[in-house]
Amino acid sequence: MKNLAHDAIIDQSITTAIDREELLLRKYEHYKDILEDAETSALLKECATSARDHIDMLKNTLQKLDL
């Protein structure tokens, strides 16, 4: 039998992590668009790519755990 409380904590933790990564992604994209410095914009683009990768990884984890 599954421990429902344990599953709920894991689900909530991963969901919160996804929400935070999505917020970071929006911030990176916003600042990248308004900055005129090409080097900083390129760095923020890389950060946005990492955030997308993290979101995908977290969603895949939720799916694998069947939560």
PDB file of N, CA and C in Angstrom:
ATOM      1  N   MET A   1       0.845  -1.187   0.000  1.00  0.00           N
ATOM      2  CA  MET A   1       0.000   0.000   0.000  1.00  0.00           C
ATOM      3  C   MET A   1       0.881   1.238   0.000  1.00  0.00           C
ATOM      4  N   LYS A   2       0.521   2.205  -0.825  1.00  0.00           N
ATOM      5  CA  LYS A   2       1.277   3.445  -0.899  1.00  0.00           C
ATOM      6  C   LYS A   2       1.019   4.311   0.325  1.00  0.00           C
ATOM      7  N   ASN A   3       2.049   5.019   0.713  1.00  0.00           N
ATOM      8  CA  ASN A   3       1.906   5.986   1.783  1.00  0.00           C
ATOM      9  C   ASN A   3       1.436   7.290   1.155  1.00  0.00           C
ATOM     10  N   LEU A   4       0.154   7.607   1.309  1.00  0.00           N
ATOM     11  CA  LEU A   4      -0.433   8.765   0.644  1.00  0.00           C
ATOM     12  C   LEU A   4       0.165  10.080   1.114  1.00  0.00           C
ATOM     13  N   ALA A   5       0.489  10.185   2.379  1.00  0.00           N
ATOM     14  CA  ALA A   5       1.077  11.423   2.896  1.00  0.00           C
ATOM     15  C   ALA A   5       2.447  11.654   2.258  1.00  0.00           C
ATOM     16  N   HIS A   6       3.221  10.590   2.149  1.00  0.00           N
ATOM     17  CA  HIS A   6       4.547  10.672   1.535  1.00  0.00           C
ATOM     18  C   HIS A   6       4.426  11.091   0.067  1.00  0.00           C
ATOM     19  N   ASP A   7       3.500  10.486  -0.657  1.00  0.00           N
ATOM     20  CA  ASP A   7       3.276  10.821  -2.058  1.00  0.00           C
ATOM     21  C   ASP A   7       2.815  12.264  -2.223  1.00  0.00           C
ATOM     22  N   ALA A   8       1.961  12.712  -1.321  1.00  0.00           N
ATOM     23  CA  ALA A   8       1.469  14.087  -1.389  1.00  0.00           C
ATOM     24  C   ALA A   8       2.601  15.084  -1.170  1.00  0.00           C
ATOM     25  N   ILE A   9       3.500  14.780  -0.247  1.00  0.00           N
ATOM     26  CA  ILE A   9       4.639  15.660   0.013  1.00  0.00           C
ATOM     27  C   ILE A   9       5.559  15.713  -1.200  1.00  0.00           C
ATOM     28  N   ILE A  10       5.826  14.573  -1.789  1.00  0.00           N
ATOM     29  CA  ILE A  10       6.687  14.532  -2.976  1.00  0.00           C
ATOM     30  C   ILE A  10       6.027  15.291  -4.123  1.00  0.00           C
ATOM     31  N   ASP A  11       4.739  15.054  -4.345  1.00  0.00           N
ATOM     32  CA  ASP A  11       4.005  15.744  -5.405  1.00  0.00           C
ATOM     33  C   ASP A  11       4.038  17.261  -5.201  1.00  0.00           C
ATOM     34  N   GLN A  12       3.771  17.683  -3.988  1.00  0.00           N
ATOM     35  CA  GLN A  12       3.765  19.126  -3.689  1.00  0.00           C
ATOM     36  C   GLN A  12       5.156  19.723  -3.864  1.00  0.00           C
ATOM     37  N   SER A  13       6.181  19.016  -3.444  1.00  0.00           N
ATOM     38  CA  SER A  13       7.551  19.512  -3.571  1.00  0.00           C
ATOM     39  C   SER A  13       7.956  19.678  -5.030  1.00  0.00           C
ATOM     40  N   ILE A  14       7.636  18.683  -5.835  1.00  0.00           N
ATOM     41  CA  ILE A  14       7.997  18.759  -7.254  1.00  0.00           C
ATOM     42  C   ILE A  14       7.172  19.826  -7.962  1.00  0.00           C
ATOM     43  N   THR A  15       5.889  19.916  -7.636  1.00  0.00           N
ATOM     44  CA  THR A  15       5.029  20.933  -8.234  1.00  0.00           C
ATOM     45  C   THR A  15       5.515  22.342  -7.873  1.00  0.00           C
ATOM     46  N   THR A  16       5.930  22.536  -6.642  1.00  0.00           N
ATOM     47  CA  THR A  16       6.473  23.827  -6.217  1.00  0.00           C
ATOM     48  C   THR A  16       7.764  24.134  -6.961  1.00  0.00           C
ATOM     49  N   ALA A  17       8.607  23.136  -7.140  1.00  0.00           N
ATOM     50  CA  ALA A  17       9.855  23.334  -7.882  1.00  0.00           C
ATOM     51  C   ALA A  17       9.567  23.726  -9.326  1.00  0.00           C
ATOM     52  N   ILE A  18       8.559  23.099  -9.933  1.00  0.00           N
ATOM     53  CA  ILE A  18       8.171  23.464 -11.302  1.00  0.00           C
ATOM     54  C   ILE A  18       7.698  24.911 -11.343  1.00  0.00           C
ATOM     55  N   ASP A  19       6.857  25.296 -10.392  1.00  0.00           N
ATOM     56  CA  ASP A  19       6.359  26.675 -10.338  1.00  0.00           C
ATOM     57  C   ASP A  19       7.500  27.675 -10.220  1.00  0.00           C
ATOM     58  N   ARG A  20       8.476  27.360  -9.399  1.00  0.00           N
ATOM     59  CA  ARG A  20       9.613  28.263  -9.207  1.00  0.00           C
ATOM     60  C   ARG A  20      10.475  28.358 -10.462  1.00  0.00           C
ATOM     61  N   GLU A  21      10.678  27.229 -11.130  1.00  0.00           N
ATOM     62  CA  GLU A  21      11.451  27.245 -12.377  1.00  0.00           C
ATOM     63  C   GLU A  21      10.714  28.039 -13.453  1.00  0.00           C
ATOM     64  N   GLU A  22       9.381  27.921 -13.501  1.00  0.00           N
ATOM     65  CA  GLU A  22       8.602  28.678 -14.474  1.00  0.00           C
ATOM     66  C   GLU A  22       8.692  30.178 -14.191  1.00  0.00           C
ATOM     67  N   LEU A  23       8.698  30.548 -12.920  1.00  0.00           N
ATOM     68  CA  LEU A  23       8.872  31.955 -12.554  1.00  0.00           C
ATOM     69  C   LEU A  23      10.251  32.458 -12.978  1.00  0.00           C
ATOM     70  N   LEU A  24      11.279  31.668 -12.707  1.00  0.00           N
ATOM     71  CA  LEU A  24      12.626  32.034 -13.145  1.00  0.00           C
ATOM     72  C   LEU A  24      12.680  32.197 -14.662  1.00  0.00           C
ATOM     73  N   LEU A  25      12.055  31.288 -15.368  1.00  0.00           N
ATOM     74  CA  LEU A  25      12.045  31.338 -16.824  1.00  0.00           C
ATOM     75  C   LEU A  25      11.415  32.644 -17.313  1.00  0.00           C
ATOM     76  N   ARG A  26      10.289  33.023 -16.733  1.00  0.00           N
ATOM     77  CA  ARG A  26       9.638  34.285 -17.119  1.00  0.00           C
ATOM     78  C   ARG A  26      10.536  35.487 -16.820  1.00  0.00           C
ATOM     79  N   LYS A  27      11.211  35.456 -15.683  1.00  0.00           N
ATOM     80  CA  LYS A  27      12.118  36.555 -15.329  1.00  0.00           C
ATOM     81  C   LYS A  27      13.284  36.636 -16.311  1.00  0.00           C
ATOM     82  N   TYR A  28      13.902  35.494 -16.599  1.00  0.00           N
ATOM     83  CA  TYR A  28      15.032  35.476 -17.532  1.00  0.00           C
ATOM     84  C   TYR A  28      14.615  36.018 -18.890  1.00  0.00           C
ATOM     85  N   GLU A  29      13.468  35.578 -19.390  1.00  0.00           N
ATOM     86  CA  GLU A  29      13.018  36.021 -20.701  1.00  0.00           C
ATOM     87  C   GLU A  29      12.670  37.509 -20.697  1.00  0.00           C
ATOM     88  N   HIS A  30      12.070  37.976 -19.622  1.00  0.00           N
ATOM     89  CA  HIS A  30      11.728  39.400 -19.527  1.00  0.00           C
ATOM     90  C   HIS A  30      12.992  40.262 -19.530  1.00  0.00           C
ATOM     91  N   TYR A  31      13.936  39.934 -18.663  1.00  0.00           N
ATOM     92  CA  TYR A  31      15.152  40.734 -18.579  1.00  0.00           C
ATOM     93  C   TYR A  31      15.983  40.643 -19.855  1.00  0.00           C
ATOM     94  N   LYS A  32      15.991  39.467 -20.486  1.00  0.00           N
ATOM     95  CA  LYS A  32      16.725  39.291 -21.738  1.00  0.00           C
ATOM     96  C   LYS A  32      16.175  40.234 -22.809  1.00  0.00           C
ATOM     97  N   ASP A  33      14.850  40.396 -22.820  1.00  0.00           N
ATOM     98  CA  ASP A  33      14.202  41.243 -23.818  1.00  0.00           C
ATOM     99  C   ASP A  33      14.442  42.731 -23.592  1.00  0.00           C
ATOM    100  N   ILE A  34      14.600  43.141 -22.329  1.00  0.00           N
ATOM    101  CA  ILE A  34      14.732  44.578 -22.076  1.00  0.00           C
ATOM    102  C   ILE A  34      16.183  45.054 -21.985  1.00  0.00           C
ATOM    103  N   LEU A  35      17.125  44.122 -21.819  1.00  0.00           N
ATOM    104  CA  LEU A  35      18.529  44.520 -21.720  1.00  0.00           C
ATOM    105  C   LEU A  35      19.128  44.756 -23.102  1.00  0.00           C
ATOM    106  N   GLU A  36      19.996  45.737 -23.164  1.00  0.00           N
ATOM    107  CA  GLU A  36      20.645  46.044 -24.434  1.00  0.00           C
ATOM    108  C   GLU A  36      22.024  45.398 -24.542  1.00  0.00           C
ATOM    109  N   ASP A  37      22.551  44.905 -23.436  1.00  0.00           N
ATOM    110  CA  ASP A  37      23.868  44.275 -23.431  1.00  0.00           C
ATOM    111  C   ASP A  37      23.760  42.855 -23.998  1.00  0.00           C
ATOM    112  N   ALA A  38      24.434  42.626 -25.107  1.00  0.00           N
ATOM    113  CA  ALA A  38      24.343  41.335 -25.799  1.00  0.00           C
ATOM    114  C   ALA A  38      24.898  40.192 -24.955  1.00  0.00           C
ATOM    115  N   GLU A  39      25.976  40.438 -24.233  1.00  0.00           N
ATOM    116  CA  GLU A  39      26.590  39.381 -23.428  1.00  0.00           C
ATOM    117  C   GLU A  39      25.657  38.942 -22.296  1.00  0.00           C
ATOM    118  N   THR A  40      25.064  39.909 -21.623  1.00  0.00           N
ATOM    119  CA  THR A  40      24.133  39.593 -20.531  1.00  0.00           C
ATOM    120  C   THR A  40      22.881  38.909 -21.079  1.00  0.00           C
ATOM    121  N   SER A  41      22.399  39.372 -22.218  1.00  0.00           N
ATOM    122  CA  SER A  41      21.227  38.749 -22.840  1.00  0.00           C
ATOM    123  C   SER A  41      21.522  37.293 -23.204  1.00  0.00           C
ATOM    124  N   ALA A  42      22.726  37.031 -23.708  1.00  0.00           N
ATOM    125  CA  ALA A  42      23.111  35.658 -24.053  1.00  0.00           C
ATOM    126  C   ALA A  42      23.162  34.787 -22.804  1.00  0.00           C
ATOM    127  N   LEU A  43      23.673  35.329 -21.709  1.00  0.00           N
ATOM    128  CA  LEU A  43      23.732  34.595 -20.442  1.00  0.00           C
ATOM    129  C   LEU A  43      22.322  34.267 -19.957  1.00  0.00           C
ATOM    130  N   LEU A  44      21.418  35.239 -20.040  1.00  0.00           N
ATOM    131  CA  LEU A  44      20.042  35.013 -19.606  1.00  0.00           C
ATOM    132  C   LEU A  44      19.343  34.002 -20.504  1.00  0.00           C
ATOM    133  N   LYS A  45      19.688  33.987 -21.782  1.00  0.00           N
ATOM    134  CA  LYS A  45      19.124  32.987 -22.696  1.00  0.00           C
ATOM    135  C   LYS A  45      19.560  31.587 -22.282  1.00  0.00           C
ATOM    136  N   GLU A  46      20.828  31.440 -21.891  1.00  0.00           N
ATOM    137  CA  GLU A  46      21.322  30.150 -21.406  1.00  0.00           C
ATOM    138  C   GLU A  46      20.612  29.736 -20.121  1.00  0.00           C
ATOM    139  N   CYS A  47      20.400  30.706 -19.236  1.00  0.00           N
ATOM    140  CA  CYS A  47      19.691  30.418 -17.979  1.00  0.00           C
ATOM    141  C   CYS A  47      18.259  29.969 -18.262  1.00  0.00           C
ATOM    142  N   ALA A  48      17.614  30.616 -19.235  1.00  0.00           N
ATOM    143  CA  ALA A  48      16.252  30.242 -19.608  1.00  0.00           C
ATOM    144  C   ALA A  48      16.219  28.811 -20.151  1.00  0.00           C
ATOM    145  N   THR A  49      17.217  28.457 -20.938  1.00  0.00           N
ATOM    146  CA  THR A  49      17.300  27.096 -21.473  1.00  0.00           C
ATOM    147  C   THR A  49      17.451  26.094 -20.338  1.00  0.00           C
ATOM    148  N   SER A  50      18.279  26.415 -19.360  1.00  0.00           N
ATOM    149  CA  SER A  50      18.449  25.527 -18.200  1.00  0.00           C
ATOM    150  C   SER A  50      17.146  25.384 -17.422  1.00  0.00           C
ATOM    151  N   ALA A  51      16.430  26.491 -17.251  1.00  0.00           N
ATOM    152  CA  ALA A  51      15.159  26.440 -16.534  1.00  0.00           C
ATOM    153  C   ALA A  51      14.166  25.539 -17.273  1.00  0.00           C
ATOM    154  N   ARG A  52      14.124  25.643 -18.610  1.00  0.00           N
ATOM    155  CA  ARG A  52      13.240  24.766 -19.393  1.00  0.00           C
ATOM    156  C   ARG A  52      13.624  23.302 -19.204  1.00  0.00           C
ATOM    157  N   ASP A  53      14.924  23.039 -19.216  1.00  0.00           N
ATOM    158  CA  ASP A  53      15.405  21.665 -18.999  1.00  0.00           C
ATOM    159  C   ASP A  53      14.991  21.148 -17.623  1.00  0.00           C
ATOM    160  N   HIS A  54      15.107  22.006 -16.613  1.00  0.00           N
ATOM    161  CA  HIS A  54      14.717  21.610 -15.256  1.00  0.00           C
ATOM    162  C   HIS A  54      13.218  21.310 -15.195  1.00  0.00           C
ATOM    163  N   ILE A  55      12.421  22.154 -15.837  1.00  0.00           N
ATOM    164  CA  ILE A  55      10.970  21.950 -15.855  1.00  0.00           C
ATOM    165  C   ILE A  55      10.636  20.605 -16.499  1.00  0.00           C
ATOM    166  N   ASP A  56      11.264  20.325 -17.634  1.00  0.00           N
ATOM    167  CA  ASP A  56      11.027  19.051 -18.319  1.00  0.00           C
ATOM    168  C   ASP A  56      11.424  17.870 -17.440  1.00  0.00           C
ATOM    169  N   MET A  57      12.568  17.980 -16.781  1.00  0.00           N
ATOM    170  CA  MET A  57      13.045  16.908 -15.909  1.00  0.00           C
ATOM    171  C   MET A  57      12.072  16.672 -14.749  1.00  0.00           C
ATOM    172  N   LEU A  58      11.606  17.752 -14.142  1.00  0.00           N
ATOM    173  CA  LEU A  58      10.681  17.632 -13.018  1.00  0.00           C
ATOM    174  C   LEU A  58       9.345  17.033 -13.459  1.00  0.00           C
ATOM    175  N   LYS A  59       8.843  17.458 -14.613  1.00  0.00           N
ATOM    176  CA  LYS A  59       7.588  16.904 -15.121  1.00  0.00           C
ATOM    177  C   LYS A  59       7.741  15.418 -15.442  1.00  0.00           C
ATOM    178  N   ASN A  60       8.878  15.050 -16.013  1.00  0.00           N
ATOM    179  CA  ASN A  60       9.133  13.631 -16.290  1.00  0.00           C
ATOM    180  C   ASN A  60       9.207  12.822 -15.001  1.00  0.00           C
ATOM    181  N   THR A  61       9.801  13.403 -13.974  1.00  0.00           N
ATOM    182  CA  THR A  61       9.870  12.730 -12.684  1.00  0.00           C
ATOM    183  C   THR A  61       8.488  12.483 -12.107  1.00  0.00           C
ATOM    184  N   LEU A  62       7.624  13.499 -12.184  1.00  0.00           N
ATOM    185  CA  LEU A  62       6.247  13.326 -11.714  1.00  0.00           C
ATOM    186  C   LEU A  62       5.547  12.201 -12.479  1.00  0.00           C
ATOM    187  N   GLN A  63       5.765  12.193 -13.778  1.00  0.00           N
ATOM    188  CA  GLN A  63       5.133  11.173 -14.606  1.00  0.00           C
ATOM    189  C   GLN A  63       5.649   9.775 -14.260  1.00  0.00           C
ATOM    190  N   LYS A  64       6.956   9.648 -14.065  1.00  0.00           N
ATOM    191  CA  LYS A  64       7.543   8.347 -13.722  1.00  0.00           C
ATOM    192  C   LYS A  64       7.041   7.851 -12.366  1.00  0.00           C
ATOM    193  N   LEU A  65       6.885   8.780 -11.435  1.00  0.00           N
ATOM    194  CA  LEU A  65       6.414   8.403 -10.099  1.00  0.00           C
ATOM    195  C   LEU A  65       4.904   8.164 -10.072  1.00  0.00           C
ATOM    196  N   ASP A  66       4.230   8.544 -11.161  1.00  0.00           N
ATOM    197  CA  ASP A  66       2.788   8.358 -11.273  1.00  0.00           C
ATOM    198  C   ASP A  66       2.038   9.039 -10.137  1.00  0.00           C
ATOM    199  N   LEU A  67       2.416  10.318  -9.922  1.00  0.00           N
ATOM    200  CA  LEU A  67       1.760  11.083  -8.846  1.00  0.00           C
ATOM    201  C   LEU A  67       0.741  12.040  -9.405  1.00  0.00           C
TER     202      LEU A  67
END
